């Protein structure tokens, strides 16, 4: 799986951390939902999201700052 578009689906709850195990994922869009939690929870799996280029989390209810773990996402171009 390389592209996962889940935007504008009225999803609630936390972003599943298991998404971080999708090692070929290049594009993840979960924007415009009702998701809660932190970005850190999403990227806490070291070695996950190795080729992720685009990560859209906009218009949710995420809290906290941008974590230092984003430095592990060497291919990330859009946040």
N, C-alpha and C. Protein backbone atom coordinates (compact mmCIF):
# COMPACT_ATOMS: atom_id res chain seq x y z
N UNK A 1 0.85 -1.18 0.00
CA UNK A 1 0.00 0.00 0.00
C UNK A 1 0.89 1.24 0.00
N UNK A 2 0.72 2.09 -0.98
CA UNK A 2 1.54 3.29 -1.10
C UNK A 2 0.78 4.58 -0.82
N UNK A 3 -0.50 4.61 -1.13
CA UNK A 3 -1.30 5.82 -0.96
C UNK A 3 -2.54 5.47 -0.16
N UNK A 4 -2.79 6.23 0.89
CA UNK A 4 -3.96 6.00 1.73
C UNK A 4 -4.66 7.34 1.97
N UNK A 5 -5.82 7.48 1.37
CA UNK A 5 -6.61 8.71 1.47
C UNK A 5 -7.83 8.44 2.35
N UNK A 6 -7.84 9.01 3.53
CA UNK A 6 -8.95 8.82 4.47
C UNK A 6 -9.56 10.15 4.89
N UNK A 7 -9.31 11.19 4.12
CA UNK A 7 -9.77 12.52 4.49
C UNK A 7 -11.28 12.65 4.37
N UNK A 8 -11.82 13.54 5.19
CA UNK A 8 -13.24 13.91 5.17
C UNK A 8 -14.18 12.71 5.34
N UNK A 9 -13.90 11.88 6.32
CA UNK A 9 -14.75 10.73 6.59
C UNK A 9 -15.41 10.77 7.96
N UNK A 10 -15.20 11.85 8.68
CA UNK A 10 -15.76 12.01 10.03
C UNK A 10 -15.27 10.94 11.00
N UNK A 11 -14.05 10.46 10.79
CA UNK A 11 -13.46 9.50 11.71
C UNK A 11 -13.24 10.17 13.06
N UNK A 12 -13.42 9.40 14.12
CA UNK A 12 -13.18 9.90 15.47
C UNK A 12 -12.18 8.99 16.17
N UNK A 13 -11.67 9.45 17.29
CA UNK A 13 -10.71 8.65 18.05
C UNK A 13 -9.28 8.98 17.65
N UNK A 14 -8.39 8.08 17.99
CA UNK A 14 -6.96 8.28 17.72
C UNK A 14 -6.58 7.70 16.37
N UNK A 15 -5.54 8.27 15.79
CA UNK A 15 -4.98 7.71 14.56
C UNK A 15 -4.32 6.39 14.94
N UNK A 16 -4.68 5.28 14.33
CA UNK A 16 -4.09 3.99 14.70
C UNK A 16 -2.58 3.97 14.47
N UNK A 17 -1.81 3.65 15.51
CA UNK A 17 -0.36 3.59 15.39
C UNK A 17 0.07 2.52 14.40
N UNK A 18 -0.77 1.53 14.15
CA UNK A 18 -0.43 0.47 13.19
C UNK A 18 -0.21 1.02 11.80
N UNK A 19 -0.71 2.21 11.51
CA UNK A 19 -0.44 2.80 10.20
C UNK A 19 1.06 2.98 10.02
N UNK A 20 1.79 3.16 11.11
CA UNK A 20 3.24 3.32 11.05
C UNK A 20 3.97 2.07 10.61
N UNK A 21 3.29 0.94 10.59
CA UNK A 21 3.93 -0.30 10.16
C UNK A 21 3.83 -0.51 8.65
N UNK A 22 3.13 0.37 7.96
CA UNK A 22 3.01 0.27 6.50
C UNK A 22 4.27 0.84 5.87
N UNK A 23 5.26 -0.01 5.67
CA UNK A 23 6.59 0.45 5.29
C UNK A 23 6.70 1.02 3.89
N UNK A 24 5.76 0.74 3.01
CA UNK A 24 5.80 1.28 1.65
C UNK A 24 4.91 2.51 1.47
N UNK A 25 4.29 2.96 2.56
CA UNK A 25 3.36 4.08 2.48
C UNK A 25 4.10 5.37 2.15
N UNK A 26 3.67 6.03 1.08
CA UNK A 26 4.29 7.28 0.64
C UNK A 26 3.40 8.49 0.92
N UNK A 27 2.10 8.26 0.99
CA UNK A 27 1.15 9.37 1.13
C UNK A 27 0.06 8.94 2.09
N UNK A 28 -0.09 9.69 3.18
CA UNK A 28 -1.15 9.43 4.15
C UNK A 28 -1.92 10.71 4.38
N UNK A 29 -3.20 10.68 4.09
CA UNK A 29 -4.06 11.84 4.28
C UNK A 29 -5.22 11.46 5.18
N UNK A 30 -5.18 11.95 6.42
CA UNK A 30 -6.28 11.76 7.36
C UNK A 30 -6.86 13.11 7.77
N UNK A 31 -6.69 14.10 6.93
CA UNK A 31 -7.16 15.45 7.22
C UNK A 31 -8.68 15.54 7.23
N UNK A 32 -9.17 16.58 7.88
CA UNK A 32 -10.60 16.89 7.92
C UNK A 32 -11.44 15.75 8.50
N UNK A 33 -11.02 15.25 9.63
CA UNK A 33 -11.77 14.27 10.39
C UNK A 33 -11.96 14.82 11.80
N UNK A 34 -12.20 13.95 12.75
CA UNK A 34 -12.35 14.36 14.15
C UNK A 34 -11.38 13.55 15.01
N UNK A 35 -10.16 13.43 14.55
CA UNK A 35 -9.16 12.62 15.23
C UNK A 35 -8.53 13.39 16.39
N UNK A 36 -8.17 12.66 17.44
CA UNK A 36 -7.54 13.25 18.62
C UNK A 36 -6.21 12.57 18.88
N UNK A 37 -5.46 13.11 19.81
CA UNK A 37 -4.17 12.54 20.17
C UNK A 37 -3.05 13.47 19.75
N UNK A 38 -1.86 12.90 19.59
CA UNK A 38 -0.69 13.69 19.22
C UNK A 38 -0.01 13.09 17.99
N UNK A 39 0.79 13.90 17.34
CA UNK A 39 1.57 13.40 16.21
C UNK A 39 2.57 12.37 16.71
N UNK A 40 3.10 12.57 17.89
CA UNK A 40 4.06 11.63 18.48
C UNK A 40 3.49 10.22 18.54
N UNK A 41 2.22 10.08 18.90
CA UNK A 41 1.60 8.76 18.97
C UNK A 41 1.61 8.08 17.61
N UNK A 42 1.46 8.85 16.58
CA UNK A 42 1.40 8.30 15.23
C UNK A 42 2.76 7.81 14.76
N UNK A 43 3.81 8.54 15.08
CA UNK A 43 5.13 8.19 14.55
C UNK A 43 6.04 7.54 15.59
N UNK A 44 5.46 7.01 16.66
CA UNK A 44 6.28 6.46 17.73
C UNK A 44 6.98 5.16 17.37
N UNK A 45 6.59 4.55 16.30
CA UNK A 45 7.21 3.29 15.88
C UNK A 45 8.48 3.62 15.11
N UNK A 46 9.62 3.43 15.74
CA UNK A 46 10.90 3.71 15.08
C UNK A 46 11.05 2.72 13.92
N UNK A 47 11.40 3.23 12.78
CA UNK A 47 11.52 2.39 11.60
C UNK A 47 10.27 2.38 10.75
N UNK A 48 9.19 3.01 11.23
CA UNK A 48 7.97 3.11 10.46
C UNK A 48 8.01 4.32 9.55
N UNK A 49 7.17 4.33 8.55
CA UNK A 49 7.06 5.45 7.61
C UNK A 49 8.39 5.78 6.93
N UNK A 50 9.15 4.77 6.58
CA UNK A 50 10.49 5.00 6.01
C UNK A 50 10.47 5.77 4.70
N UNK A 51 9.44 5.58 3.88
CA UNK A 51 9.39 6.25 2.58
C UNK A 51 8.27 7.29 2.50
N UNK A 52 7.66 7.61 3.64
CA UNK A 52 6.55 8.57 3.65
C UNK A 52 7.02 9.94 3.16
N UNK A 53 6.30 10.47 2.18
CA UNK A 53 6.63 11.80 1.64
C UNK A 53 5.61 12.85 2.02
N UNK A 54 4.35 12.46 2.08
CA UNK A 54 3.28 13.42 2.35
C UNK A 54 2.45 12.92 3.54
N UNK A 55 2.30 13.78 4.54
CA UNK A 55 1.52 13.45 5.72
C UNK A 55 0.56 14.60 5.99
N UNK A 56 -0.71 14.36 5.79
CA UNK A 56 -1.74 15.38 5.99
C UNK A 56 -2.56 15.04 7.23
N UNK A 57 -2.46 15.90 8.22
CA UNK A 57 -3.17 15.72 9.49
C UNK A 57 -4.08 16.91 9.78
N UNK A 58 -4.23 17.79 8.83
CA UNK A 58 -4.92 19.06 9.04
C UNK A 58 -6.38 18.90 9.43
N UNK A 59 -6.86 19.90 10.15
CA UNK A 59 -8.27 19.99 10.56
C UNK A 59 -8.74 18.77 11.33
N UNK A 60 -7.97 18.42 12.35
CA UNK A 60 -8.35 17.41 13.33
C UNK A 60 -8.22 18.07 14.70
N UNK A 61 -8.25 17.28 15.74
CA UNK A 61 -8.14 17.81 17.10
C UNK A 61 -6.87 17.29 17.76
N UNK A 62 -5.77 17.31 17.03
CA UNK A 62 -4.50 16.85 17.55
C UNK A 62 -3.93 17.92 18.49
N UNK A 63 -3.24 17.47 19.53
CA UNK A 63 -2.68 18.38 20.51
C UNK A 63 -1.17 18.19 20.59
N UNK A 64 -0.52 19.12 21.24
CA UNK A 64 0.93 19.03 21.42
C UNK A 64 1.67 19.65 20.25
N UNK A 65 2.97 19.69 20.39
CA UNK A 65 3.81 20.28 19.36
C UNK A 65 4.25 19.28 18.31
N UNK A 66 5.12 19.75 17.46
CA UNK A 66 5.70 18.88 16.44
C UNK A 66 6.88 18.16 17.07
N UNK A 67 6.85 16.84 17.15
CA UNK A 67 7.88 16.10 17.88
C UNK A 67 9.20 15.97 17.12
N UNK A 68 10.27 15.82 17.87
CA UNK A 68 11.61 15.65 17.29
C UNK A 68 11.70 14.37 16.46
N UNK A 69 10.84 13.40 16.72
CA UNK A 69 10.86 12.14 15.98
C UNK A 69 10.62 12.33 14.49
N UNK A 70 10.10 13.48 14.10
CA UNK A 70 9.91 13.73 12.67
C UNK A 70 11.23 13.70 11.93
N UNK A 71 12.33 13.87 12.63
CA UNK A 71 13.66 13.82 12.00
C UNK A 71 13.95 12.43 11.44
N UNK A 72 13.28 11.40 11.96
CA UNK A 72 13.46 10.04 11.44
C UNK A 72 12.81 9.86 10.07
N UNK A 73 11.89 10.73 9.71
CA UNK A 73 11.18 10.63 8.44
C UNK A 73 11.97 11.37 7.37
N UNK A 74 13.01 10.75 6.90
CA UNK A 74 13.98 11.40 6.01
C UNK A 74 13.38 11.80 4.66
N UNK A 75 12.33 11.13 4.21
CA UNK A 75 11.73 11.43 2.91
C UNK A 75 10.56 12.39 2.99
N UNK A 76 10.18 12.80 4.19
CA UNK A 76 9.01 13.65 4.37
C UNK A 76 9.22 15.01 3.70
N UNK A 77 8.30 15.36 2.81
CA UNK A 77 8.35 16.64 2.10
C UNK A 77 7.22 17.57 2.51
N UNK A 78 6.05 17.00 2.82
CA UNK A 78 4.87 17.80 3.16
C UNK A 78 4.30 17.31 4.48
N UNK A 79 4.10 18.26 5.40
CA UNK A 79 3.46 17.95 6.68
C UNK A 79 2.33 18.93 6.86
